Amino acid sequence: MITQTFSISQDHLMYKEKPLCGGNYRSAFKDKFRLSPVFDKPQEHEWTLYFDNRDPFQIESIKRSDDPNVRFWQKGNRDKGGGYIQYPTIFLSLKRLVPIAEEKSIKTDDTLLTAEEIAKFKELHNKILITSTSITSATSISSTNKQSLGVNTDMYDWNQNSMGQDNIAKIILALFSFKRLKDKYGDSYTGGILAIDELDATIYPASQVELLKVLRKYASELSLQIFFTTHSLTMLKAMDELCQETKKRPETENQIRLVYLKRVDNNIKITDDVDYKGIILDLTVTAEAPDKHKNKITVYAEDKETEIVVKAILKQKLYGCLKFANVPMSCANLIDLAHKKVPAFSYPHSIIFLDGDIRKDKANIRKTKASQNILVLPGEESPERMIATYLFNLSDNDPLWAKVANGYSKQVCFREISYEQIILPGEDGRQFAKKWFNSQLQYWGRSGLKVLNPFLSTIREDCNQFRAEFEQLTKRFIHD
């Protein structure tokens, strides 16, 4: 429906241009719709697209002069060529997923891309698939249903490419197509529309996340509006995280949007900016259980990482009486609120957990000692840095690596963020440490315990002391 609003007319300077991925930039009606002559009647379809830099654009269904089926056109405009907005558009339908083995006739061409494009294709192919495959060449593949690009290596050629490789190649070709338009037409190129049906199809989860990163980069560089559908929980989670990230800065807050469509009473309900948790409940047809935290002690932790480590130290038996408040707040703010005896943040209304690096700040540590409800984690560094140091100092042959996850190693652990970055002084190091910690949790088992338990065993006495202080504090809560 979105791409049907855009086209390139015969008098447009880009009219004769052809995308590298096949077809043209006009997004034909027949490529997207098969309507029912019984249920799809003229004037029964209408939708509106809203833009940042122009008036809203309304589309309606009208009768074709020589066809019982309807067509879609700008509402109130019957002029020839006036029914659509002029933007180059590519729609990648599920036709792109037809296996090469099922095609009757295939044509190949080794001259489709320039040397520079082939080099960039190799880079993107391996980045998205998270592989170091040495690609010797790339072959253009054309058939009845598709035009894509096949990868040739010393081990296999394009005939043996996976559907995931084929799908990713088609998407990369679409991106390169808009890059060519921008390079050729300069200021006359003002952007384009790329729509992809079921983006995640045939692509394994980690590559889905990498593909999103690539699409975001090209959307920005080429002024593209990219739309896609997906049922992948992995991709939805990654999209939700990107949405939350972009909302933190005014200049990026509207760059990414997650929109959820659901049938409700035979109508389509569109929910904008829906959260990932809500989508999960809906797609898995489940409901959220009643709040189990009622009448528990409210707890404020310095951050989510602190909460994870606190739970690992205390174990379920002890932390079961706690309700962790999801209220992002700096260490200094929590200390000041408790020190000034603001009711919600002071004894006996709540408990506050802080990282061990607070011990380096003499002024704040005096305030924590003066407060009755603050507990400080073991050590004199943030738990993320302490854990990073523990893993960095482990031998490559330590059995822990294999116990954590299949294929997990020190190289994997510090692949994206190095230990040197994690221990940098100041805020930079602190942010690197947090990002590293959260990126590794996915490997560390439930609640990170495959790594946290061995690490905590190396500071067992400090953990025992922390548990003793916690039990003493909670007894006071219960007594009061």
Protein backbone atom coordinates (compact mmCIF):
# COMPACT_ATOMS: atom_id res chain seq x y z
CA MET A 1 0.00 0.00 0.00
CA ILE A 2 2.85 2.37 0.79
CA THR A 3 4.84 1.72 -2.38
CA GLN A 4 1.70 2.00 -4.52
CA THR A 5 1.75 5.72 -3.70
CA PHE A 6 5.10 6.25 -5.45
CA SER A 7 6.23 5.87 -9.04
CA ILE A 8 8.34 7.35 -11.85
CA SER A 9 6.37 8.76 -14.83
CA GLN A 10 7.52 8.86 -18.46
CA ASP A 11 8.60 12.52 -18.27
CA HIS A 12 10.81 11.88 -15.22
CA LEU A 13 14.56 12.01 -15.87
CA MET A 14 15.01 8.63 -14.14
CA TYR A 15 12.22 6.87 -16.07
CA LYS A 16 14.51 4.60 -18.13
CA GLU A 17 16.76 3.63 -15.21
CA LYS A 18 16.74 -0.02 -14.15
CA PRO A 19 17.59 -1.29 -10.66
CA LEU A 20 20.42 -3.80 -10.34
CA CYS A 21 18.01 -6.15 -8.56
CA GLY A 22 15.67 -6.34 -11.57
CA GLY A 23 12.40 -4.70 -12.57
CA ASN A 24 12.15 -0.92 -12.53
CA TYR A 25 11.61 1.95 -10.11
CA ARG A 26 7.85 2.16 -10.71
CA SER A 27 6.54 -0.53 -8.34
CA ALA A 28 3.78 -1.95 -10.53
CA PHE A 29 0.31 -2.71 -9.14
CA LYS A 30 0.45 -6.32 -10.40
CA ASP A 31 3.61 -6.97 -8.36
CA LYS A 32 1.81 -6.32 -5.09
CA PHE A 33 -1.93 -6.94 -5.35
CA ARG A 34 -4.34 -9.63 -6.40
CA LEU A 35 -7.74 -8.19 -5.60
CA SER A 36 -11.10 -9.89 -5.46
CA PRO A 37 -13.78 -8.76 -7.95
CA VAL A 38 -16.33 -9.82 -5.32
CA PHE A 39 -14.97 -8.15 -2.19
CA ASP A 40 -12.84 -5.30 -3.56
CA LYS A 41 -15.13 -2.58 -4.89
CA PRO A 42 -14.42 1.00 -6.06
CA GLN A 43 -14.48 3.63 -3.28
CA GLU A 44 -14.14 0.94 -0.57
CA HIS A 45 -10.38 1.45 -0.03
CA GLU A 46 -8.80 4.61 1.27
CA TRP A 47 -5.62 5.50 3.10
CA THR A 48 -3.53 8.57 3.81
CA LEU A 49 0.23 9.04 3.88
CA TYR A 50 1.66 11.87 5.97
CA PHE A 51 4.94 13.62 5.14
CA ASP A 52 7.32 15.99 6.89
CA ASN A 53 7.70 18.31 3.92
CA ARG A 54 4.37 18.22 2.02
CA ASP A 55 0.62 17.93 2.48
CA PRO A 56 -0.96 14.55 3.31
CA PHE A 57 -1.54 12.33 0.29
CA GLN A 58 -4.80 10.37 0.07
CA ILE A 59 -5.27 7.24 -2.00
CA GLU A 60 -8.59 5.64 -2.95
CA SER A 61 -9.80 2.76 -5.08
CA ILE A 62 -11.38 3.64 -8.40
CA LYS A 63 -12.86 1.65 -11.27
CA ARG A 64 -10.68 0.76 -14.24
CA SER A 65 -12.19 1.60 -17.58
CA ASP A 66 -11.48 -1.78 -19.17
CA ASP A 67 -11.14 -4.09 -16.18
CA PRO A 68 -13.58 -5.34 -13.50
CA ASN A 69 -10.86 -4.92 -10.87
CA VAL A 70 -10.23 -1.63 -9.12
CA ARG A 71 -7.04 0.44 -9.21
CA PHE A 72 -5.61 2.85 -6.64
CA TRP A 73 -5.18 6.56 -7.38
CA GLN A 74 -4.83 9.91 -5.65
CA LYS A 75 -8.19 10.92 -4.21
CA GLY A 76 -9.85 13.67 -6.19
CA ASN A 77 -7.21 13.63 -8.96
CA ARG A 78 -7.93 11.92 -12.27
CA ASP A 79 -5.19 13.59 -14.32
CA LYS A 80 -2.88 11.32 -16.27
CA GLY A 81 0.37 10.89 -14.36
CA GLY A 82 -1.02 12.76 -11.38
CA GLY A 83 -1.97 9.75 -9.31
CA TYR A 84 1.38 9.09 -7.66
CA ILE A 85 4.26 10.88 -5.96
CA GLN A 86 7.45 10.90 -8.03
CA TYR A 87 10.12 8.93 -6.18
CA PRO A 88 12.18 5.95 -7.36
CA THR A 89 10.75 2.89 -5.62
CA ILE A 90 11.86 -0.71 -5.21
CA PHE A 91 9.56 -3.37 -3.80
CA LEU A 92 11.20 -6.72 -2.99
CA SER A 93 8.43 -9.28 -2.79
CA LEU A 94 8.67 -12.91 -1.72
CA LYS A 95 9.45 -13.78 -5.35
CA ARG A 96 13.06 -13.15 -4.38
CA LEU A 97 12.94 -16.35 -2.31
CA VAL A 98 12.23 -18.74 -5.21
CA PRO A 99 15.15 -21.22 -5.06
CA ILE A 100 17.54 -21.18 -8.00
CA ALA A 101 17.03 -24.95 -8.34
CA GLU A 102 13.36 -24.35 -9.20
CA GLU A 103 14.08 -21.92 -12.02
CA LYS A 104 13.82 -23.39 -15.52
CA SER A 105 16.17 -20.97 -17.23
CA ILE A 106 18.99 -18.89 -15.74
CA LYS A 107 21.18 -16.28 -17.40
CA THR A 108 24.48 -15.18 -15.87
CA ASP A 109 26.54 -12.03 -16.22
CA ASP A 110 29.89 -11.18 -14.63
CA THR A 111 29.82 -7.50 -15.65
CA LEU A 112 26.82 -6.19 -13.71
CA LEU A 113 28.83 -4.42 -10.99
CA THR A 114 31.89 -2.22 -11.08
CA ALA A 115 35.08 -3.32 -9.34
CA GLU A 116 34.32 -0.87 -6.53
CA GLU A 117 30.79 -2.25 -6.13
CA ILE A 118 32.05 -5.84 -6.08
CA ALA A 119 34.52 -4.97 -3.31
CA LYS A 120 31.73 -3.32 -1.30
CA PHE A 121 29.42 -6.26 -1.96
CA LYS A 122 32.01 -8.70 -0.57
CA GLU A 123 32.39 -6.55 2.53
CA LEU A 124 28.63 -6.29 3.17
CA HIS A 125 28.01 -9.99 2.38
CA ASN A 126 30.53 -11.09 5.02
CA LYS A 127 29.50 -8.43 7.53
CA ILE A 128 25.82 -9.43 7.42
CA LEU A 129 26.52 -13.17 7.42
CA ILE A 130 29.24 -12.74 10.06
CA THR A 131 31.73 -14.76 8.08
CA SER A 132 35.24 -14.38 6.73
CA THR A 133 34.57 -16.30 3.50
CA SER A 134 37.06 -15.37 0.78
CA ILE A 135 34.89 -14.40 -2.19
CA THR A 136 36.70 -14.73 -5.52
CA SER A 137 34.00 -13.19 -7.72
CA ALA A 138 30.27 -12.40 -7.96
CA THR A 139 27.95 -13.50 -10.76
CA SER A 140 24.69 -11.80 -11.72
CA ILE A 141 21.84 -14.33 -11.95
CA SER A 142 18.66 -13.59 -13.94
CA SER A 143 15.58 -15.80 -14.23
CA THR A 144 11.83 -15.52 -14.65
CA ASN A 145 11.25 -14.64 -11.00
CA LYS A 146 14.37 -12.85 -9.87
CA GLN A 147 17.60 -11.03 -10.52
CA SER A 148 20.23 -11.48 -7.85
CA LEU A 149 23.94 -11.92 -7.32
CA GLY A 150 25.73 -15.19 -6.64
CA VAL A 151 28.92 -15.63 -4.64
CA ASN A 152 31.85 -17.66 -5.98
CA THR A 153 34.64 -18.94 -3.72
CA ASP A 154 37.45 -21.48 -3.88
CA MET A 155 35.07 -24.00 -2.24
CA TYR A 156 31.79 -23.42 -4.09
CA ASP A 157 30.15 -21.23 -6.74
CA TRP A 158 26.83 -19.41 -7.15
CA ASN A 159 24.96 -22.66 -7.92
CA GLN A 160 25.49 -23.71 -4.29
CA ASN A 161 24.63 -20.44 -2.55
CA SER A 162 22.17 -20.66 0.31
CA MET A 163 18.79 -18.92 0.18
CA GLY A 164 20.06 -16.57 2.86
CA GLN A 165 23.00 -15.53 0.67
CA ASP A 166 20.69 -15.10 -2.30
CA ASN A 167 18.23 -12.98 -0.31
CA ILE A 168 20.93 -10.76 1.16
CA ALA A 169 22.51 -10.30 -2.30
CA LYS A 170 19.17 -9.10 -3.68
CA ILE A 171 18.80 -6.57 -0.87
CA ILE A 172 22.38 -5.31 -1.34
CA LEU A 173 21.73 -4.86 -5.07
CA ALA A 174 18.69 -2.73 -4.23
CA LEU A 175 20.85 -0.51 -2.01
CA PHE A 176 23.52 -0.24 -4.72
CA SER A 177 20.78 0.76 -7.19
CA PHE A 178 19.89 3.84 -5.15
CA LYS A 179 23.59 4.60 -4.70
CA ARG A 180 23.95 4.68 -8.49
CA LEU A 181 21.01 7.06 -8.81
CA LYS A 182 22.50 9.40 -6.25
CA ASP A 183 25.92 9.35 -7.93
CA LYS A 184 24.48 9.87 -11.42
CA TYR A 185 21.83 12.53 -10.74
CA GLY A 186 23.40 14.49 -7.91
CA ASP A 187 21.04 17.14 -6.51
CA SER A 188 18.21 15.86 -8.72
CA TYR A 189 18.18 12.71 -6.62
CA THR A 190 16.20 13.48 -3.45
CA GLY A 191 15.84 9.99 -2.05
CA GLY A 192 13.83 6.85 -2.67
CA ILE A 193 11.53 4.19 -1.24
CA LEU A 194 12.66 0.62 -0.50
CA ALA A 195 10.06 -1.87 0.72
CA ILE A 196 10.87 -5.47 1.61
CA ASP A 197 8.30 -8.16 2.36
CA GLU A 198 9.32 -10.46 5.25
CA LEU A 199 12.85 -9.10 5.57
CA ASP A 200 14.01 -11.88 7.91
CA ALA A 201 13.04 -14.78 5.60
CA THR A 202 15.85 -17.36 5.17
CA ILE A 203 18.26 -15.27 7.29
CA TYR A 204 19.44 -16.64 10.63
CA PRO A 205 18.97 -14.48 13.77
CA ALA A 206 22.44 -12.94 14.19
CA SER A 207 22.50 -11.94 10.53
CA GLN A 208 19.07 -10.36 10.86
CA VAL A 209 20.51 -7.96 13.42
CA GLU A 210 23.54 -7.18 11.23
CA LEU A 211 21.27 -6.58 8.23
CA LEU A 212 19.29 -4.02 10.23
CA LYS A 213 22.51 -2.12 10.96
CA VAL A 214 23.40 -2.03 7.27
CA LEU A 215 19.91 -0.86 6.26
CA ARG A 216 20.01 1.91 8.85
CA LYS A 217 23.38 3.13 7.54
CA TYR A 218 22.26 3.18 3.90
CA ALA A 219 18.92 4.78 4.75
CA SER A 220 20.82 7.71 6.20
CA GLU A 221 23.46 7.95 3.47
CA LEU A 222 21.03 7.63 0.54
CA SER A 223 17.98 9.46 1.98
CA LEU A 224 15.98 6.25 1.78
CA GLN A 225 12.71 5.52 3.50
CA ILE A 226 12.91 1.77 4.14
CA PHE A 227 9.82 -0.22 5.07
CA PHE A 228 9.73 -3.92 5.83
CA THR A 229 7.51 -6.54 7.40
CA THR A 230 8.71 -9.28 9.74
CA HIS A 231 7.47 -11.95 12.13
CA SER A 232 10.93 -12.56 13.58
CA LEU A 233 11.12 -12.05 17.34
CA THR A 234 14.87 -11.54 16.99
CA MET A 235 14.40 -8.73 14.49
CA LEU A 236 11.56 -7.18 16.48
CA LYS A 237 13.70 -7.13 19.60
CA ALA A 238 16.59 -5.52 17.70
CA MET A 239 14.20 -2.97 16.19
CA ASP A 240 12.80 -2.13 19.61
CA GLU A 241 16.33 -1.58 20.94
CA LEU A 242 17.17 0.67 17.98
CA CYS A 243 13.97 2.65 18.58
CA GLN A 244 14.88 3.19 22.23
CA GLU A 245 18.41 4.22 21.22
CA THR A 246 17.28 6.80 18.65
CA LYS A 247 14.75 8.35 21.04
CA LYS A 248 17.58 9.43 23.34
CA ARG A 249 18.69 12.21 20.95
CA PRO A 250 16.42 14.83 19.33
CA GLU A 251 18.25 14.58 16.00
CA THR A 252 17.53 10.84 15.68
CA GLU A 253 14.28 10.36 17.60
CA ASN A 254 12.14 9.94 14.45
CA GLN A 255 14.57 7.86 12.40
CA ILE A 256 13.20 4.44 13.33
CA ARG A 257 9.65 3.39 14.07
CA LEU A 258 8.18 0.03 15.01
CA VAL A 259 4.53 -0.31 13.94
CA TYR A 260 2.38 -3.29 14.85
CA LEU A 261 -0.65 -4.39 12.81
CA LYS A 262 -3.29 -6.64 14.34
CA ARG A 263 -6.72 -7.79 13.26
CA VAL A 264 -9.35 -6.61 15.75
CA ASP A 265 -13.06 -7.21 15.08
CA ASN A 266 -12.37 -7.74 11.36
CA ASN A 267 -10.50 -4.44 11.13
CA ILE A 268 -6.79 -3.73 11.15
CA LYS A 269 -5.62 -1.95 14.28
CA ILE A 270 -2.35 -0.07 13.82
CA THR A 271 -0.30 0.51 16.96
CA ASP A 272 2.56 2.98 16.66
CA ASP A 273 5.64 2.71 18.89
CA VAL A 274 4.44 -0.52 20.50
CA ASP A 275 6.94 -2.06 22.90
CA TYR A 276 8.64 -5.39 22.30
CA LYS A 277 7.13 -6.97 25.40
CA GLY A 278 3.62 -6.24 24.15
CA ILE A 279 4.39 -7.76 20.76
CA ILE A 280 5.81 -10.91 22.35
CA LEU A 281 2.67 -11.44 24.42
CA ASP A 282 0.50 -10.96 21.35
CA LEU A 283 2.47 -13.13 18.91
CA THR A 284 2.84 -15.96 21.41
CA VAL A 285 -0.84 -15.62 22.40
CA THR A 286 -0.06 -15.28 26.10
CA ALA A 287 -0.97 -12.88 28.88
CA GLU A 288 1.18 -11.35 31.58
CA ALA A 289 0.76 -12.95 34.98
CA PRO A 290 -0.38 -10.78 37.92
CA ASP A 291 2.29 -8.72 39.68
CA LYS A 292 4.28 -11.03 41.92
CA HIS A 293 6.08 -8.10 43.52
CA LYS A 294 3.16 -6.82 45.55
CA ASN A 295 4.11 -6.09 49.18
CA LYS A 296 7.80 -6.60 48.50
CA ILE A 297 10.61 -4.23 49.48
CA THR A 298 11.24 -1.63 46.81
CA VAL A 299 14.84 -1.60 45.58
CA TYR A 300 16.80 0.93 43.54
CA ALA A 301 19.93 -0.26 41.78
CA GLU A 302 22.50 1.98 40.15
CA ASP A 303 21.73 0.33 36.80
CA LYS A 304 20.51 -2.94 35.28
CA GLU A 305 24.00 -4.42 35.46
CA THR A 306 24.07 -3.82 39.22
CA GLU A 307 20.70 -5.55 39.57
CA ILE A 308 21.96 -8.64 37.71
CA VAL A 309 25.04 -8.96 39.94
CA VAL A 310 23.06 -8.35 43.14
CA LYS A 311 20.69 -11.18 42.24
CA ALA A 312 23.62 -13.47 41.45
CA ILE A 313 25.14 -12.84 44.88
CA LEU A 314 21.93 -13.06 46.92
CA LYS A 315 20.28 -15.95 45.05
CA GLN A 316 16.53 -16.34 44.74
CA LYS A 317 16.03 -17.29 48.37
CA LEU A 318 17.24 -13.88 49.53
CA TYR A 319 16.25 -11.50 46.74
CA GLY A 320 12.77 -13.00 46.44
CA CYS A 321 11.53 -10.38 48.90
CA LEU A 322 12.69 -7.51 46.67
CA LYS A 323 10.96 -5.50 43.97
CA PHE A 324 13.53 -3.82 41.71
CA ALA A 325 12.27 -0.44 40.50
CA ASN A 326 13.02 0.25 36.85
CA VAL A 327 14.01 3.88 37.40
CA PRO A 328 17.28 4.86 35.68
CA MET A 329 19.15 7.16 38.06
CA SER A 330 22.79 8.01 38.63
CA CYS A 331 24.72 6.83 41.64
CA ALA A 332 25.19 10.42 42.88
CA ASN A 333 21.45 11.14 42.68
CA LEU A 334 20.53 7.98 44.61
CA ILE A 335 23.04 8.84 47.33
CA ASP A 336 21.79 12.43 47.64
CA LEU A 337 18.14 11.35 47.79
CA ALA A 338 18.91 8.85 50.54
CA HIS A 339 21.20 11.24 52.42
CA LYS A 340 18.54 13.99 52.37
CA LYS A 341 16.00 11.43 53.62
CA VAL A 342 13.60 11.80 50.71
CA PRO A 343 10.94 9.29 51.86
CA ALA A 344 10.82 6.98 48.82
CA PHE A 345 14.63 6.67 48.81
CA SER A 346 15.36 6.34 52.51
CA TYR A 347 14.88 3.83 55.33
CA PRO A 348 12.44 2.15 55.83
CA HIS A 349 10.86 2.73 52.41
CA SER A 350 13.50 1.23 50.15
CA ILE A 351 16.95 -0.33 49.73
CA ILE A 352 19.60 1.12 47.41
CA PHE A 353 22.38 -0.98 45.82
CA LEU A 354 25.51 0.73 44.48
CA ASP A 355 28.58 -0.45 42.57
CA GLY A 356 31.88 -0.95 44.42
CA ASP A 357 33.59 1.90 42.53
CA ILE A 358 31.78 4.33 44.85
CA ARG A 359 34.46 3.50 47.39
CA LYS A 360 36.89 5.69 45.41
CA ASP A 361 34.73 8.74 46.16
CA LYS A 362 35.36 9.69 49.81
CA ALA A 363 32.61 12.32 49.98
CA ASN A 364 29.92 9.97 48.66
CA ILE A 365 31.08 7.00 50.69
CA ARG A 366 30.64 9.11 53.86
CA LYS A 367 27.06 9.82 52.77
CA THR A 368 26.38 6.12 52.17
CA LYS A 369 27.63 5.26 55.65
CA ALA A 370 25.33 7.90 57.09
CA SER A 371 22.34 6.36 55.31
CA GLN A 372 20.61 3.32 56.76
CA ASN A 373 19.44 1.69 53.54
CA ILE A 374 22.45 1.68 51.17
CA LEU A 375 24.46 -1.45 50.38
CA VAL A 376 27.63 -1.38 48.27
CA LEU A 377 28.70 -4.30 46.08
CA PRO A 378 32.08 -5.98 46.75
CA GLY A 379 35.26 -4.54 45.23
CA GLU A 380 36.42 -1.08 44.25
CA GLU A 381 35.46 -1.24 40.57
CA SER A 382 32.15 -1.59 38.77
CA PRO A 383 31.09 -5.25 38.55
CA GLU A 384 31.34 -5.11 34.74
CA ARG A 385 35.03 -4.21 34.91
CA MET A 386 35.73 -6.77 37.63
CA ILE A 387 34.12 -9.52 35.56
CA ALA A 388 35.98 -8.37 32.42
CA THR A 389 39.29 -8.52 34.32
CA TYR A 390 38.43 -12.00 35.62
CA LEU A 391 37.71 -13.31 32.11
CA PHE A 392 40.65 -11.53 30.52
CA ASN A 393 43.04 -13.14 32.99
CA LEU A 394 41.68 -16.64 32.37
CA SER A 395 43.79 -18.98 30.29
CA ASP A 396 42.55 -19.65 26.76
CA ASN A 397 42.49 -23.32 27.78
CA ASP A 398 40.40 -22.79 30.91
CA PRO A 399 37.40 -25.20 30.82
CA LEU A 400 35.08 -22.33 31.70
CA TRP A 401 34.99 -21.13 28.07
CA ALA A 402 33.52 -24.39 26.78
CA LYS A 403 31.07 -24.55 29.70
CA VAL A 404 29.68 -21.10 28.93
CA ALA A 405 28.63 -21.73 25.33
CA ASN A 406 29.58 -23.77 22.30
CA GLY A 407 32.31 -21.86 20.49
CA TYR A 408 32.70 -19.27 23.23
CA SER A 409 36.28 -18.12 23.80
CA LYS A 410 38.31 -15.15 24.97
CA GLN A 411 38.47 -14.05 21.33
CA VAL A 412 34.68 -14.03 21.06
CA CYS A 413 34.36 -12.38 24.46
CA PHE A 414 36.46 -9.35 23.54
CA ARG A 415 35.84 -9.33 19.78
CA GLU A 416 33.66 -6.22 19.58
CA ILE A 417 34.94 -4.33 22.63
CA SER A 418 38.51 -4.85 23.80
CA TYR A 419 39.64 -5.17 27.38
CA GLU A 420 41.75 -2.02 26.88
CA GLN A 421 38.60 -0.07 26.07
CA ILE A 422 36.77 -1.47 29.10
CA ILE A 423 39.43 -0.31 31.57
CA LEU A 424 39.81 3.16 30.08
CA PRO A 425 39.52 5.81 32.82
CA GLY A 426 36.47 8.05 33.05
CA GLU A 427 33.09 7.92 31.38
CA ASP A 428 34.36 6.38 28.12
CA GLY A 429 35.62 3.28 29.89
CA ARG A 430 32.46 3.07 31.97
CA GLN A 431 30.26 3.08 28.85
CA PHE A 432 32.46 0.54 27.07
CA ALA A 433 32.23 -1.72 30.12
CA LYS A 434 28.44 -1.55 30.22
CA LYS A 435 28.09 -2.15 26.51
CA TRP A 436 30.49 -5.09 26.68
CA PHE A 437 28.70 -6.64 29.68
CA ASN A 438 25.28 -6.47 28.03
CA SER A 439 26.60 -7.82 24.73
CA GLN A 440 28.01 -10.90 26.49
CA LEU A 441 25.00 -11.76 28.65
CA GLN A 442 23.40 -13.61 25.76
CA TYR A 443 26.16 -16.24 26.04
CA TRP A 444 26.31 -16.53 29.81
CA GLY A 445 23.17 -18.54 30.39
CA ARG A 446 20.16 -17.68 32.48
CA SER A 447 20.81 -14.46 34.43
CA GLY A 448 24.46 -14.68 33.37
CA LEU A 449 25.16 -17.30 36.03
CA LYS A 450 27.52 -19.46 33.94
CA VAL A 451 30.07 -16.67 34.30
CA LEU A 452 28.84 -14.83 37.38
CA ASN A 453 28.93 -17.86 39.67
CA PRO A 454 32.59 -18.75 38.89
CA PHE A 455 33.57 -15.09 39.17
CA LEU A 456 31.80 -14.61 42.51
CA SER A 457 33.52 -17.73 43.87
CA THR A 458 36.82 -15.85 43.50
CA ILE A 459 35.56 -13.18 45.95
CA ARG A 460 33.58 -15.55 48.18
CA GLU A 461 34.40 -13.83 51.50
CA ASP A 462 33.32 -10.42 50.18
CA CYS A 463 30.08 -11.93 48.88
CA ASN A 464 29.40 -13.60 52.24
CA GLN A 465 29.90 -10.25 53.95
CA PHE A 466 27.52 -8.57 51.49
CA ARG A 467 24.87 -11.24 52.09
CA ALA A 468 25.24 -10.86 55.87
CA GLU A 469 24.76 -7.09 55.62
CA PHE A 470 21.74 -7.61 53.40
CA GLU A 471 20.12 -10.08 55.79
CA GLN A 472 20.72 -7.74 58.72
CA LEU A 473 19.14 -4.86 56.80
CA THR A 474 16.08 -6.82 55.69
CA LYS A 475 15.51 -8.05 59.24
CA ARG A 476 15.20 -4.42 60.27
CA PHE A 477 12.65 -3.85 57.51
CA ILE A 478 10.63 -6.84 58.64
CA HIS A 479 10.92 -5.87 62.31
CA ASP A 480 9.77 -2.30 61.64
